[in-house]
Amino acid sequence: MIGVGAILTIAYQTSDITAVFLHIATPFIGGVGLILATWKTNLVNAISGGIALINVFDVAKNKERIAIFVAGTIGTILAVIGILNYFTPIMSILSAMIPPVAGVMIASYWVIHKGRKDSWVEVEGVNRLGVFSWLIGAVIACMPVVFSLFPELPTLPNQPMIGIIISFAIYYIGYRVSVQKTVILEEHR
């Protein structure tokens, strides 16, 4: 499926699937196929939303059809309004915040503890150094995404590796500093 999509995109010089189907020798059949595929996908989404409403609000068995209809109607209205235009920036920011977690994990497990399960010890409570390292990496990784939301600000390259590297470095350096402090405190006792 992906290969066919790539071939059609290259052949017709557009990534708009509707335009591709309209350029194919049988635009009517392609258009009907596209509409039916979209219809099926959105019908499944409406039913899933209805089932979620039924489970969350404990809807009676005889009112399940109404709940599914309400979910479909609300979803359709939100789609017409353009809710996705507001949802995409939030998802972009969240997706920039996830990769820095890997930097903390790599520093802790693979570099500091050398990938040995027996040398890893669970931290009591919250690992403040880990959270701090992630937060700094996440904030820096989010900056290009946030800047892109405001056209008057300069654009920065969006590189998820920046957040991973920064959180890795902060965690590793912070761990080494805290270990040295612990050694110095134990020597003075």
Protein backbone atom coordinates (compact mmCIF):
# COMPACT_ATOMS: atom_id res chain seq x y z
CA MET A 1 0.00 0.00 0.00
CA ILE A 2 2.79 2.41 0.91
CA GLY A 3 4.69 1.49 -2.26
CA VAL A 4 1.65 2.12 -4.46
CA GLY A 5 1.08 5.46 -2.73
CA ALA A 6 4.71 6.44 -3.32
CA ILE A 7 4.56 5.45 -7.00
CA LEU A 8 1.33 7.40 -7.55
CA THR A 9 2.75 10.43 -5.74
CA ILE A 10 5.86 10.40 -7.93
CA ALA A 11 3.89 9.75 -11.13
CA TYR A 12 1.37 12.56 -10.61
CA GLN A 13 3.72 15.00 -8.77
CA THR A 14 1.36 15.53 -5.82
CA SER A 15 0.92 14.06 -2.37
CA ASP A 16 -2.80 14.96 -2.32
CA ILE A 17 -4.49 11.58 -2.64
CA THR A 18 -7.72 13.14 -3.93
CA ALA A 19 -5.87 14.85 -6.78
CA VAL A 20 -4.08 11.59 -7.60
CA PHE A 21 -7.36 9.69 -7.82
CA LEU A 22 -8.88 12.40 -9.99
CA HIS A 23 -5.93 12.16 -12.42
CA ILE A 24 -6.14 8.38 -12.77
CA ALA A 25 -7.84 7.11 -15.94
CA THR A 26 -11.03 6.29 -13.99
CA PRO A 27 -11.55 9.25 -11.66
CA PHE A 28 -15.11 8.23 -10.79
CA ILE A 29 -14.07 4.78 -9.50
CA GLY A 30 -11.07 6.26 -7.66
CA GLY A 31 -13.22 8.98 -6.11
CA VAL A 32 -15.88 6.51 -4.98
CA GLY A 33 -13.17 4.24 -3.51
CA LEU A 34 -11.64 7.15 -1.65
CA ILE A 35 -15.01 8.28 -0.28
CA LEU A 36 -15.93 4.76 0.84
CA ALA A 37 -12.56 4.24 2.52
CA THR A 38 -12.84 7.56 4.34
CA TRP A 39 -16.43 6.82 5.28
CA LYS A 40 -15.49 3.43 6.76
CA THR A 41 -12.62 4.91 8.79
CA ASN A 42 -14.73 7.72 10.16
CA LEU A 43 -17.63 5.36 10.91
CA VAL A 44 -15.27 3.22 13.01
CA ASN A 45 -14.07 6.40 14.77
CA ALA A 46 -17.66 7.46 15.54
CA ILE A 47 -18.53 4.02 16.89
CA SER A 48 -15.35 3.98 19.02
CA GLY A 49 -16.24 7.40 20.41
CA GLY A 50 -19.75 6.21 21.16
CA ILE A 51 -18.47 3.12 22.96
CA ALA A 52 -16.13 5.34 24.99
CA LEU A 53 -19.09 7.56 25.97
CA ILE A 54 -21.08 4.46 26.92
CA ASN A 55 -18.26 3.19 29.16
CA VAL A 56 -17.42 6.54 30.76
CA PHE A 57 -20.99 7.61 31.52
CA ASP A 58 -22.42 4.11 32.11
CA VAL A 59 -25.14 4.59 29.50
CA ALA A 60 -28.12 2.24 29.66
CA LYS A 61 -28.36 -0.50 27.01
CA ASN A 62 -31.40 1.07 25.32
CA LYS A 63 -29.59 4.45 24.93
CA GLU A 64 -26.39 3.11 23.31
CA ARG A 65 -27.45 4.06 19.77
CA ILE A 66 -28.13 7.61 20.90
CA ALA A 67 -24.67 7.81 22.53
CA ILE A 68 -23.01 6.63 19.31
CA PHE A 69 -25.04 9.16 17.30
CA VAL A 70 -24.07 11.97 19.72
CA ALA A 71 -20.37 11.03 19.54
CA GLY A 72 -20.48 10.96 15.73
CA THR A 73 -22.30 14.30 15.58
CA ILE A 74 -19.89 15.98 17.99
CA GLY A 75 -16.90 14.57 16.09
CA THR A 76 -18.31 15.77 12.77
CA ILE A 77 -19.00 19.28 14.11
CA LEU A 78 -15.49 19.51 15.61
CA ALA A 79 -13.99 18.36 12.30
CA VAL A 80 -15.95 21.00 10.38
CA ILE A 81 -14.82 23.69 12.83
CA GLY A 82 -11.22 22.58 12.30
CA ILE A 83 -10.30 21.20 15.70
CA LEU A 84 -7.28 19.47 14.17
CA ASN A 85 -5.70 22.88 13.50
CA TYR A 86 -5.56 23.42 17.29
CA PHE A 87 -4.67 19.84 18.16
CA THR A 88 -1.63 19.55 15.88
CA PRO A 89 0.53 22.20 17.66
CA ILE A 90 -0.15 20.56 21.02
CA MET A 91 0.84 17.15 19.65
CA SER A 92 3.98 18.67 18.11
CA ILE A 93 5.02 20.07 21.48
CA LEU A 94 4.31 16.76 23.23
CA SER A 95 6.25 14.84 20.59
CA ALA A 96 9.25 17.09 21.19
CA MET A 97 9.06 16.38 24.93
CA ILE A 98 9.25 12.58 24.67
CA PRO A 99 12.75 11.99 23.15
CA PRO A 100 14.69 13.59 26.06
CA VAL A 101 13.48 10.71 28.26
CA ALA A 102 15.75 8.47 26.18
CA GLY A 103 18.75 10.64 27.04
CA VAL A 104 18.20 10.09 30.76
CA MET A 105 17.64 6.35 30.24
CA ILE A 106 20.76 5.93 28.10
CA ALA A 107 22.92 7.86 30.58
CA SER A 108 21.63 5.95 33.59
CA TYR A 109 21.38 2.40 32.29
CA TRP A 110 23.92 2.12 29.50
CA VAL A 111 26.67 4.58 30.47
CA ILE A 112 26.61 4.86 34.27
CA HIS A 113 25.50 1.28 35.06
CA LYS A 114 27.10 -0.19 31.90
CA GLY A 115 23.93 -2.10 30.92
CA ARG A 116 24.09 -4.44 33.93
CA LYS A 117 20.77 -5.08 35.64
CA ASP A 118 22.44 -5.97 38.94
CA SER A 119 24.16 -2.56 39.25
CA TRP A 120 20.91 -0.63 38.80
CA VAL A 121 19.13 0.35 42.01
CA GLU A 122 15.65 1.79 42.28
CA VAL A 123 15.59 5.36 43.56
CA GLU A 124 13.37 5.93 46.56
CA GLY A 125 10.67 8.46 45.75
CA VAL A 126 11.33 10.57 42.66
CA ASN A 127 14.64 10.68 40.82
CA ARG A 128 14.97 14.46 40.91
CA LEU A 129 18.09 14.47 38.75
CA GLY A 130 16.30 12.41 36.09
CA VAL A 131 13.24 14.67 36.09
CA PHE A 132 15.39 17.81 36.03
CA SER A 133 17.53 16.45 33.17
CA TRP A 134 14.44 15.48 31.18
CA LEU A 135 12.79 18.87 31.83
CA ILE A 136 15.77 20.88 30.60
CA GLY A 137 16.13 18.65 27.51
CA ALA A 138 12.39 18.84 26.84
CA VAL A 139 12.24 22.63 27.15
CA ILE A 140 15.16 23.08 24.76
CA ALA A 141 13.73 20.49 22.33
CA CYS A 142 10.34 22.28 22.41
CA MET A 143 11.75 25.69 21.56
CA PRO A 144 11.83 25.16 17.77
CA VAL A 145 8.24 23.86 17.86
CA VAL A 146 7.03 26.80 19.97
CA PHE A 147 8.91 29.28 17.78
CA SER A 148 7.22 27.80 14.70
CA LEU A 149 3.80 28.69 16.16
CA PHE A 150 4.67 32.39 16.03
CA PRO A 151 5.64 33.60 12.53
CA GLU A 152 7.36 36.75 13.86
CA LEU A 153 9.92 34.67 15.81
CA PRO A 154 12.98 33.22 14.09
CA THR A 155 12.70 29.62 12.95
CA LEU A 156 15.03 27.09 14.51
CA PRO A 157 15.81 23.64 13.13
CA ASN A 158 13.69 21.00 14.86
CA GLN A 159 16.12 18.27 15.89
CA PRO A 160 14.82 15.78 18.49
CA MET A 161 18.42 14.60 19.05
CA ILE A 162 19.20 17.94 20.71
CA GLY A 163 16.86 17.15 23.60
CA ILE A 164 18.26 13.62 23.94
CA ILE A 165 21.86 14.85 23.99
CA ILE A 166 21.16 17.66 26.46
CA SER A 167 19.22 15.46 28.88
CA PHE A 168 21.94 12.80 28.58
CA ALA A 169 24.71 15.31 29.34
CA ILE A 170 22.88 16.93 32.27
CA TYR A 171 22.05 13.56 33.85
CA TYR A 172 25.56 12.17 33.39
CA ILE A 173 27.31 15.28 34.70
CA GLY A 174 24.81 15.67 37.55
CA TYR A 175 25.28 12.03 38.54
CA ARG A 176 29.08 12.33 38.52
CA VAL A 177 28.93 15.52 40.62
CA SER A 178 26.55 13.95 43.16
CA VAL A 179 28.74 10.82 43.43
CA GLN A 180 31.83 12.97 44.03
CA LYS A 181 29.94 14.95 46.71
CA THR A 182 28.93 11.72 48.41
CA VAL A 183 32.53 10.45 48.38
CA ILE A 184 33.84 13.75 49.79
CA LEU A 185 31.17 13.76 52.56
CA GLU A 186 32.03 10.17 53.50
CA GLU A 187 35.74 10.97 53.65
CA HIS A 188 35.10 13.84 56.11
CA ARG A 189 33.13 11.61 58.49
